[in-house]
C-alpha cells in the first residue's frame, strides 16, 4: 500500500454465478469502491444484497467474473489461488459470520493457527499473543475449550481474536456482533474498535446492526452501490 493511498480499490467488479440449465445469476455489479486506509467503513444492506460476496472477493476467497480489486496496492483478483491465500494471511484478517472455527482445536489453538501459517513468531510467542487477545475479549477461562464447548457468542469472540491476532493492516468483518446478546455485543464492539483504532487498522464491516454502523466513519448502502441488486445487468456467464 502506498503511503497515503487507499487500502482497497475496486473497479468494475462483477460476480455472476453460472447455473446449470438456467440463466446465469448476477449478484454483484459495482462500478467503483474506495476504502481509505486506517478508517472504519461499513456496508449496510439487507440479506442477499451482496455484502458477503463483496467481502469474499476483497479477501481473495473468490474471484470476480470481471473487474479489478486492489488490496494494499495488489490486484488480488489477478493472483493465482495459492498467492491469494498467502497474501490474505499477511495482509487481511477476516471475521466470518459463520465463525469457521476448527472443531478439533481449542480456542487458543484456533487463534494460534492464524499465526502458524504466517510463521512470523515462535511457537511460544504465538501462544502468548493468542492468550493475550483472547483474554482481552473476555475468554481467559475458555482457552482450552473447543468450539462445541463454547456459546455462539464465545465462538464469535474467538473468531474476532483469530482475525486480529497477526496484526493485519486490513480487517474484513461479516456481521461481527450478530451472535451476541446486547451486553456482550456492546463489550466486544468496544474492544474491537479499541484494537483497530489503536493499531490504525483499516476496517470494512458488513452489518445491519445500528450499533456497528454507528461507530463507522462512513456507511455505504449496498442498495446504492450494487447495480446488480437494483436491475437486470447484461453480463457474460462466470
C-alpha atoms as a PDB file:
ATOM      1  CA  UNK A   1       0.000   0.000   0.000  1.00  0.00           C
ATOM      2  CA  UNK A   2       1.424   3.331  -0.992  1.00  0.00           C
ATOM      3  CA  UNK A   3       1.753   5.971   1.727  1.00  0.00           C
ATOM      4  CA  UNK A   4      -1.446   7.959   1.995  1.00  0.00           C
ATOM      5  CA  UNK A   5      -3.214   5.807  -0.613  1.00  0.00           C
ATOM      6  CA  UNK A   6      -6.443   3.886  -0.160  1.00  0.00           C
ATOM      7  CA  UNK A   7      -6.387   0.415   1.369  1.00  0.00           C
ATOM      8  CA  UNK A   8      -8.930  -1.076  -1.047  1.00  0.00           C
ATOM      9  CA  UNK A   9      -9.906  -0.007  -4.558  1.00  0.00           C
ATOM     10  CA  UNK A  10     -12.462  -1.951  -6.622  1.00  0.00           C
ATOM     11  CA  UNK A  11     -13.186  -1.090 -10.240  1.00  0.00           C
ATOM     12  CA  UNK A  12     -15.886  -2.560 -12.453  1.00  0.00           C
ATOM     13  CA  UNK A  13     -16.351  -5.554 -10.165  1.00  0.00           C
ATOM     14  CA  UNK A  14     -18.944  -8.075 -11.279  1.00  0.00           C
ATOM     15  CA  UNK A  15     -19.790 -11.504  -9.923  1.00  0.00           C
ATOM     16  CA  UNK A  16     -22.065 -13.880 -11.811  1.00  0.00           C
ATOM     17  CA  UNK A  17     -22.898 -17.420 -10.748  1.00  0.00           C
ATOM     18  CA  UNK A  18     -23.433 -19.943 -13.523  1.00  0.00           C
ATOM     19  CA  UNK A  19     -26.476 -22.206 -13.068  1.00  0.00           C
ATOM     20  CA  UNK A  20     -26.938 -25.478 -14.922  1.00  0.00           C
ATOM     21  CA  UNK A  21     -29.898 -25.196 -17.263  1.00  0.00           C
ATOM     22  CA  UNK A  22     -30.742 -21.712 -16.068  1.00  0.00           C
ATOM     23  CA  UNK A  23     -29.835 -18.112 -16.802  1.00  0.00           C
ATOM     24  CA  UNK A  24     -26.612 -17.026 -15.049  1.00  0.00           C
ATOM     25  CA  UNK A  25     -27.323 -15.175 -11.802  1.00  0.00           C
ATOM     26  CA  UNK A  26     -25.672 -11.740 -11.384  1.00  0.00           C
ATOM     27  CA  UNK A  27     -25.126 -10.976  -7.685  1.00  0.00           C
ATOM     28  CA  UNK A  28     -22.625  -8.135  -7.778  1.00  0.00           C
ATOM     29  CA  UNK A  29     -22.034  -5.219 -10.136  1.00  0.00           C
ATOM     30  CA  UNK A  30     -20.064  -2.380  -8.576  1.00  0.00           C
ATOM     31  CA  UNK A  31     -18.675   0.397 -10.738  1.00  0.00           C
ATOM     32  CA  UNK A  32     -16.232   1.609  -8.117  1.00  0.00           C
ATOM     33  CA  UNK A  33     -15.408   1.388  -4.426  1.00  0.00           C
ATOM     34  CA  UNK A  34     -12.599   3.027  -2.480  1.00  0.00           C
ATOM     35  CA  UNK A  35     -11.871   2.261   1.173  1.00  0.00           C
ATOM     36  CA  UNK A  36      -9.473   4.749   2.799  1.00  0.00           C
ATOM     37  CA  UNK A  37      -6.580   3.425   4.833  1.00  0.00           C
ATOM     38  CA  UNK A  38      -6.925   3.487   8.608  1.00  0.00           C
ATOM     39  CA  UNK A  39     -10.649   4.224   8.678  1.00  0.00           C
ATOM     40  CA  UNK A  40     -13.781   2.267   9.545  1.00  0.00           C
ATOM     41  CA  UNK A  41     -16.153   1.758   6.606  1.00  0.00           C
ATOM     42  CA  UNK A  42     -19.466  -0.071   6.966  1.00  0.00           C
ATOM     43  CA  UNK A  43     -21.531  -1.812   4.288  1.00  0.00           C
ATOM     44  CA  UNK A  44     -25.230  -1.676   5.078  1.00  0.00           C
ATOM     45  CA  UNK A  45     -27.760  -3.841   3.278  1.00  0.00           C
ATOM     46  CA  UNK A  46     -30.440  -6.469   3.519  1.00  0.00           C
ATOM     47  CA  UNK A  47     -29.708 -10.180   3.319  1.00  0.00           C
ATOM     48  CA  UNK A  48     -28.859 -11.120  -0.267  1.00  0.00           C
ATOM     49  CA  UNK A  49     -27.652  -7.634  -1.192  1.00  0.00           C
ATOM     50  CA  UNK A  50     -24.123  -8.849  -1.953  1.00  0.00           C
ATOM     51  CA  UNK A  51     -22.276  -7.785   1.205  1.00  0.00           C
ATOM     52  CA  UNK A  52     -20.698 -11.162   1.947  1.00  0.00           C
ATOM     53  CA  UNK A  53     -19.867 -11.760  -1.722  1.00  0.00           C
ATOM     54  CA  UNK A  54     -18.044  -8.443  -1.843  1.00  0.00           C
ATOM     55  CA  UNK A  55     -16.046  -9.227   1.305  1.00  0.00           C
ATOM     56  CA  UNK A  56     -15.097 -12.638  -0.092  1.00  0.00           C
ATOM     57  CA  UNK A  57     -13.854 -11.050  -3.319  1.00  0.00           C
ATOM     58  CA  UNK A  58     -11.787  -8.479  -1.440  1.00  0.00           C
ATOM     59  CA  UNK A  59     -10.312 -11.232   0.739  1.00  0.00           C
ATOM     60  CA  UNK A  60      -9.389 -13.251  -2.344  1.00  0.00           C
ATOM     61  CA  UNK A  61     -11.514 -16.189  -1.216  1.00  0.00           C
ATOM     62  CA  UNK A  62     -13.406 -15.915  -4.503  1.00  0.00           C
ATOM     63  CA  UNK A  63     -12.590 -14.266  -7.827  1.00  0.00           C
ATOM     64  CA  UNK A  64     -14.799 -11.756  -9.632  1.00  0.00           C
ATOM     65  CA  UNK A  65     -16.267 -12.504 -13.034  1.00  0.00           C
ATOM     66  CA  UNK A  66     -14.858  -9.181 -14.181  1.00  0.00           C
ATOM     67  CA  UNK A  67     -13.056  -6.183 -12.751  1.00  0.00           C
ATOM     68  CA  UNK A  68     -10.079  -5.489 -10.504  1.00  0.00           C
ATOM     69  CA  UNK A  69      -9.742  -5.370  -6.726  1.00  0.00           C
ATOM     70  CA  UNK A  70      -6.599  -3.776  -5.349  1.00  0.00           C
ATOM     71  CA  UNK A  71      -5.840  -4.531  -1.710  1.00  0.00           C
ATOM     72  CA  UNK A  72      -2.773  -2.818  -0.268  1.00  0.00           C
ATOM     73  CA  UNK A  73      -1.803  -1.966  -3.841  1.00  0.00           C
ATOM     74  CA  UNK A  74      -2.045  -5.560  -5.136  1.00  0.00           C
ATOM     75  CA  UNK A  75      -4.723  -6.733  -7.577  1.00  0.00           C
ATOM     76  CA  UNK A  76      -5.835  -9.820  -5.667  1.00  0.00           C
ATOM     77  CA  UNK A  77      -8.240 -10.832  -8.432  1.00  0.00           C
ATOM     78  CA  UNK A  78      -5.272 -11.348 -10.772  1.00  0.00           C
ATOM     79  CA  UNK A  79      -3.346 -13.616  -8.379  1.00  0.00           C
ATOM     80  CA  UNK A  80      -3.445 -17.427  -8.628  1.00  0.00           C
ATOM     81  CA  UNK A  81      -5.157 -19.153  -5.708  1.00  0.00           C
ATOM     82  CA  UNK A  82      -2.008 -20.053  -3.745  1.00  0.00           C
ATOM     83  CA  UNK A  83      -0.711 -16.484  -3.918  1.00  0.00           C
ATOM     84  CA  UNK A  84      -4.124 -15.100  -2.944  1.00  0.00           C
ATOM     85  CA  UNK A  85      -4.094 -17.331   0.143  1.00  0.00           C
ATOM     86  CA  UNK A  86      -0.569 -16.254   1.085  1.00  0.00           C
ATOM     87  CA  UNK A  87      -1.442 -12.590   0.544  1.00  0.00           C
ATOM     88  CA  UNK A  88      -4.531 -12.883   2.739  1.00  0.00           C
ATOM     89  CA  UNK A  89      -2.503 -14.468   5.553  1.00  0.00           C
ATOM     90  CA  UNK A  90      -0.165 -11.481   5.605  1.00  0.00           C
ATOM     91  CA  UNK A  91      -2.481  -8.567   4.953  1.00  0.00           C
ATOM     92  CA  UNK A  92      -6.106  -9.389   5.773  1.00  0.00           C
ATOM     93  CA  UNK A  93      -7.976 -10.527   8.863  1.00  0.00           C
ATOM     94  CA  UNK A  94     -11.484 -11.878   8.307  1.00  0.00           C
ATOM     95  CA  UNK A  95     -14.257 -12.302  10.856  1.00  0.00           C
ATOM     96  CA  UNK A  96     -16.663 -14.764   9.240  1.00  0.00           C
ATOM     97  CA  UNK A  97     -20.352 -14.662  10.117  1.00  0.00           C
ATOM     98  CA  UNK A  98     -20.313 -18.467  10.374  1.00  0.00           C
ATOM     99  CA  UNK A  99     -17.135 -18.401  12.534  1.00  0.00           C
ATOM    100  CA  UNK A 100     -15.313 -21.164  10.550  1.00  0.00           C
ATOM    101  CA  UNK A 101     -13.574 -22.459  13.670  1.00  0.00           C
ATOM    102  CA  UNK A 102     -11.912 -25.885  13.537  1.00  0.00           C
ATOM    103  CA  UNK A 103     -13.858 -28.275  15.761  1.00  0.00           C
ATOM    104  CA  UNK A 104     -10.838 -30.353  16.775  1.00  0.00           C
ATOM    105  CA  UNK A 105      -8.861 -27.374  18.087  1.00  0.00           C
ATOM    106  CA  UNK A 106      -9.212 -25.391  21.292  1.00  0.00           C
ATOM    107  CA  UNK A 107      -9.979 -21.689  21.298  1.00  0.00           C
ATOM    108  CA  UNK A 108      -6.287 -20.968  21.853  1.00  0.00           C
ATOM    109  CA  UNK A 109      -5.223 -23.299  19.049  1.00  0.00           C
ATOM    110  CA  UNK A 110      -7.764 -21.844  16.620  1.00  0.00           C
ATOM    111  CA  UNK A 111      -6.330 -18.386  17.200  1.00  0.00           C
ATOM    112  CA  UNK A 112      -2.721 -19.575  17.052  1.00  0.00           C
ATOM    113  CA  UNK A 113      -3.405 -21.195  13.692  1.00  0.00           C
ATOM    114  CA  UNK A 114      -3.613 -17.798  12.003  1.00  0.00           C
ATOM    115  CA  UNK A 115      -0.038 -17.051  13.082  1.00  0.00           C
ATOM    116  CA  UNK A 116       1.234 -20.529  12.301  1.00  0.00           C
ATOM    117  CA  UNK A 117       0.557 -20.011   8.603  1.00  0.00           C
ATOM    118  CA  UNK A 118       2.292 -16.626   8.662  1.00  0.00           C
ATOM    119  CA  UNK A 119       5.305 -18.062  10.525  1.00  0.00           C
ATOM    120  CA  UNK A 120       6.060 -14.610  11.893  1.00  0.00           C
ATOM    121  CA  UNK A 121       6.509 -15.631  15.547  1.00  0.00           C
ATOM    122  CA  UNK A 122       7.936 -18.532  17.523  1.00  0.00           C
ATOM    123  CA  UNK A 123       5.513 -21.065  18.997  1.00  0.00           C
ATOM    124  CA  UNK A 124       5.878 -19.509  22.448  1.00  0.00           C
ATOM    125  CA  UNK A 125       5.240 -16.023  21.100  1.00  0.00           C
ATOM    126  CA  UNK A 126       2.199 -17.274  19.192  1.00  0.00           C
ATOM    127  CA  UNK A 127       0.784 -18.859  22.323  1.00  0.00           C
ATOM    128  CA  UNK A 128       1.340 -15.746  24.426  1.00  0.00           C
ATOM    129  CA  UNK A 129      -0.129 -13.438  21.784  1.00  0.00           C
ATOM    130  CA  UNK A 130      -3.198 -15.649  21.258  1.00  0.00           C
ATOM    131  CA  UNK A 131      -3.813 -15.936  25.002  1.00  0.00           C
ATOM    132  CA  UNK A 132      -3.478 -12.177  25.442  1.00  0.00           C
ATOM    133  CA  UNK A 133      -6.033 -11.237  22.800  1.00  0.00           C
ATOM    134  CA  UNK A 134      -8.496 -13.931  23.928  1.00  0.00           C
ATOM    135  CA  UNK A 135      -8.153 -12.650  27.489  1.00  0.00           C
ATOM    136  CA  UNK A 136      -8.834  -9.106  26.338  1.00  0.00           C
ATOM    137  CA  UNK A 137     -12.016 -10.371  24.696  1.00  0.00           C
ATOM    138  CA  UNK A 138     -13.163 -11.977  27.948  1.00  0.00           C
ATOM    139  CA  UNK A 139     -12.162 -15.596  27.272  1.00  0.00           C
ATOM    140  CA  UNK A 140      -9.310 -16.097  29.749  1.00  0.00           C
ATOM    141  CA  UNK A 141     -11.089 -19.107  31.246  1.00  0.00           C
ATOM    142  CA  UNK A 142     -12.019 -20.614  27.873  1.00  0.00           C
ATOM    143  CA  UNK A 143      -8.592 -21.041  26.243  1.00  0.00           C
ATOM    144  CA  UNK A 144      -8.680 -24.855  26.353  1.00  0.00           C
ATOM    145  CA  UNK A 145     -12.335 -25.173  25.312  1.00  0.00           C
ATOM    146  CA  UNK A 146     -13.226 -26.486  21.872  1.00  0.00           C
ATOM    147  CA  UNK A 147     -15.905 -24.739  19.778  1.00  0.00           C
ATOM    148  CA  UNK A 148     -18.713 -27.124  20.799  1.00  0.00           C
ATOM    149  CA  UNK A 149     -17.999 -26.249  24.441  1.00  0.00           C
ATOM    150  CA  UNK A 150     -18.457 -22.543  23.789  1.00  0.00           C
ATOM    151  CA  UNK A 151     -21.606 -20.479  23.362  1.00  0.00           C
ATOM    152  CA  UNK A 152     -22.187 -18.852  19.982  1.00  0.00           C
ATOM    153  CA  UNK A 153     -21.168 -15.533  21.476  1.00  0.00           C
ATOM    154  CA  UNK A 154     -17.924 -17.028  22.753  1.00  0.00           C
ATOM    155  CA  UNK A 155     -17.272 -18.617  19.374  1.00  0.00           C
ATOM    156  CA  UNK A 156     -17.708 -15.182  17.790  1.00  0.00           C
ATOM    157  CA  UNK A 157     -15.120 -13.731  20.174  1.00  0.00           C
ATOM    158  CA  UNK A 158     -12.672 -16.478  19.198  1.00  0.00           C
ATOM    159  CA  UNK A 159     -13.296 -15.671  15.532  1.00  0.00           C
ATOM    160  CA  UNK A 160     -12.585 -11.992  16.180  1.00  0.00           C
ATOM    161  CA  UNK A 161      -9.400 -12.845  18.086  1.00  0.00           C
ATOM    162  CA  UNK A 162      -8.225 -15.104  15.271  1.00  0.00           C
ATOM    163  CA  UNK A 163      -8.769 -12.353  12.705  1.00  0.00           C
ATOM    164  CA  UNK A 164      -6.785  -9.784  14.685  1.00  0.00           C
ATOM    165  CA  UNK A 165      -4.032 -11.877  16.264  1.00  0.00           C
ATOM    166  CA  UNK A 166      -1.493 -11.435  13.457  1.00  0.00           C
ATOM    167  CA  UNK A 167      -1.991  -7.646  13.382  1.00  0.00           C
ATOM    168  CA  UNK A 168      -3.385  -7.423   9.838  1.00  0.00           C
ATOM    169  CA  UNK A 169      -3.408  -3.943   8.286  1.00  0.00           C
ATOM    170  CA  UNK A 170      -6.903  -4.667   6.917  1.00  0.00           C
ATOM    171  CA  UNK A 171      -9.839  -6.268   8.733  1.00  0.00           C
ATOM    172  CA  UNK A 172     -12.963  -7.552   6.999  1.00  0.00           C
ATOM    173  CA  UNK A 173     -15.875  -8.407   9.256  1.00  0.00           C
ATOM    174  CA  UNK A 174     -19.187 -10.003   8.285  1.00  0.00           C
ATOM    175  CA  UNK A 175     -21.816  -9.196  10.942  1.00  0.00           C
ATOM    176  CA  UNK A 176     -19.231  -9.357  13.762  1.00  0.00           C
ATOM    177  CA  UNK A 177     -21.746  -8.962  16.591  1.00  0.00           C
ATOM    178  CA  UNK A 178     -24.685 -10.887  15.130  1.00  0.00           C
ATOM    179  CA  UNK A 179     -24.417 -13.807  17.571  1.00  0.00           C
ATOM    180  CA  UNK A 180     -24.011 -11.740  20.730  1.00  0.00           C
ATOM    181  CA  UNK A 181     -26.596 -10.536  23.203  1.00  0.00           C
ATOM    182  CA  UNK A 182     -26.873  -6.757  23.626  1.00  0.00           C
ATOM    183  CA  UNK A 183     -24.485  -6.506  26.594  1.00  0.00           C
ATOM    184  CA  UNK A 184     -21.866  -8.795  25.039  1.00  0.00           C
ATOM    185  CA  UNK A 185     -22.167  -7.058  21.668  1.00  0.00           C
ATOM    186  CA  UNK A 186     -21.524  -3.692  23.317  1.00  0.00           C
ATOM    187  CA  UNK A 187     -18.447  -5.008  25.119  1.00  0.00           C
ATOM    188  CA  UNK A 188     -16.990  -6.851  22.124  1.00  0.00           C
ATOM    189  CA  UNK A 189     -17.667  -3.944  19.772  1.00  0.00           C
ATOM    190  CA  UNK A 190     -15.884  -1.613  22.181  1.00  0.00           C
ATOM    191  CA  UNK A 191     -12.839  -3.880  22.268  1.00  0.00           C
ATOM    192  CA  UNK A 192     -12.895  -4.340  18.501  1.00  0.00           C
ATOM    193  CA  UNK A 193     -12.985  -0.595  17.953  1.00  0.00           C
ATOM    194  CA  UNK A 194     -10.214  -0.020  20.507  1.00  0.00           C
ATOM    195  CA  UNK A 195      -7.983  -2.716  18.998  1.00  0.00           C
ATOM    196  CA  UNK A 196      -8.476  -1.497  15.426  1.00  0.00           C
ATOM    197  CA  UNK A 197      -8.294   2.227  16.154  1.00  0.00           C
ATOM    198  CA  UNK A 198      -5.207   1.745  18.298  1.00  0.00           C
ATOM    199  CA  UNK A 199      -3.408  -0.219  15.597  1.00  0.00           C
ATOM    200  CA  UNK A 200      -4.557   2.002  12.733  1.00  0.00           C
ATOM    201  CA  UNK A 201      -6.280  -0.983  11.128  1.00  0.00           C
ATOM    202  CA  UNK A 202      -8.429  -0.405   8.064  1.00  0.00           C
ATOM    203  CA  UNK A 203     -11.860  -1.909   8.762  1.00  0.00           C
ATOM    204  CA  UNK A 204     -14.549  -2.861   6.257  1.00  0.00           C
ATOM    205  CA  UNK A 205     -17.541  -4.329   8.047  1.00  0.00           C
ATOM    206  CA  UNK A 206     -20.808  -5.670   6.664  1.00  0.00           C
ATOM    207  CA  UNK A 207     -23.685  -5.186   9.084  1.00  0.00           C
ATOM    208  CA  UNK A 208     -27.265  -4.104   9.562  1.00  0.00           C
ATOM    209  CA  UNK A 209     -26.677  -3.556  13.313  1.00  0.00           C
ATOM    210  CA  UNK A 210     -27.165   0.100  14.239  1.00  0.00           C
ATOM    211  CA  UNK A 211     -24.501  -0.158  16.960  1.00  0.00           C
ATOM    212  CA  UNK A 212     -21.889  -1.370  14.470  1.00  0.00           C
ATOM    213  CA  UNK A 213     -22.942   1.167  11.853  1.00  0.00           C
ATOM    214  CA  UNK A 214     -22.796   3.889  14.489  1.00  0.00           C
ATOM    215  CA  UNK A 215     -19.050   3.547  15.090  1.00  0.00           C
ATOM    216  CA  UNK A 216     -18.171   3.732  11.381  1.00  0.00           C
ATOM    217  CA  UNK A 217     -16.520   6.747   9.815  1.00  0.00           C
ATOM    218  CA  UNK A 218     -18.799   6.264   6.830  1.00  0.00           C
ATOM    219  CA  UNK A 219     -21.632   3.941   5.836  1.00  0.00           C
ATOM    220  CA  UNK A 220     -22.156   2.701   2.285  1.00  0.00           C
ATOM    221  CA  UNK A 221     -25.553   1.364   1.263  1.00  0.00           C
ATOM    222  CA  UNK A 222     -25.400  -1.784  -0.867  1.00  0.00           C
ATOM    223  CA  UNK A 223     -28.718  -0.797  -2.474  1.00  0.00           C
ATOM    224  CA  UNK A 224     -26.913   2.180  -3.996  1.00  0.00           C
ATOM    225  CA  UNK A 225     -23.524   0.535  -4.523  1.00  0.00           C
ATOM    226  CA  UNK A 226     -24.597  -2.716  -6.173  1.00  0.00           C
ATOM    227  CA  UNK A 227     -26.270  -2.237  -9.557  1.00  0.00           C
ATOM    228  CA  UNK A 228     -26.985  -5.977  -9.802  1.00  0.00           C
ATOM    229  CA  UNK A 229     -29.307  -5.622  -6.841  1.00  0.00           C
ATOM    230  CA  UNK A 230     -31.328  -2.843  -8.497  1.00  0.00           C
ATOM    231  CA  UNK A 231     -31.961  -4.011 -12.033  1.00  0.00           C
ATOM    232  CA  UNK A 232     -31.003  -6.734 -14.509  1.00  0.00           C
ATOM    233  CA  UNK A 233     -27.494  -6.216 -15.859  1.00  0.00           C
ATOM    234  CA  UNK A 234     -26.182  -7.807 -19.050  1.00  0.00           C
ATOM    235  CA  UNK A 235     -23.155  -9.923 -18.148  1.00  0.00           C
ATOM    236  CA  UNK A 236     -21.256 -12.849 -19.525  1.00  0.00           C
ATOM    237  CA  UNK A 237     -21.619 -16.044 -17.542  1.00  0.00           C
ATOM    238  CA  UNK A 238     -18.927 -16.864 -14.952  1.00  0.00           C
END
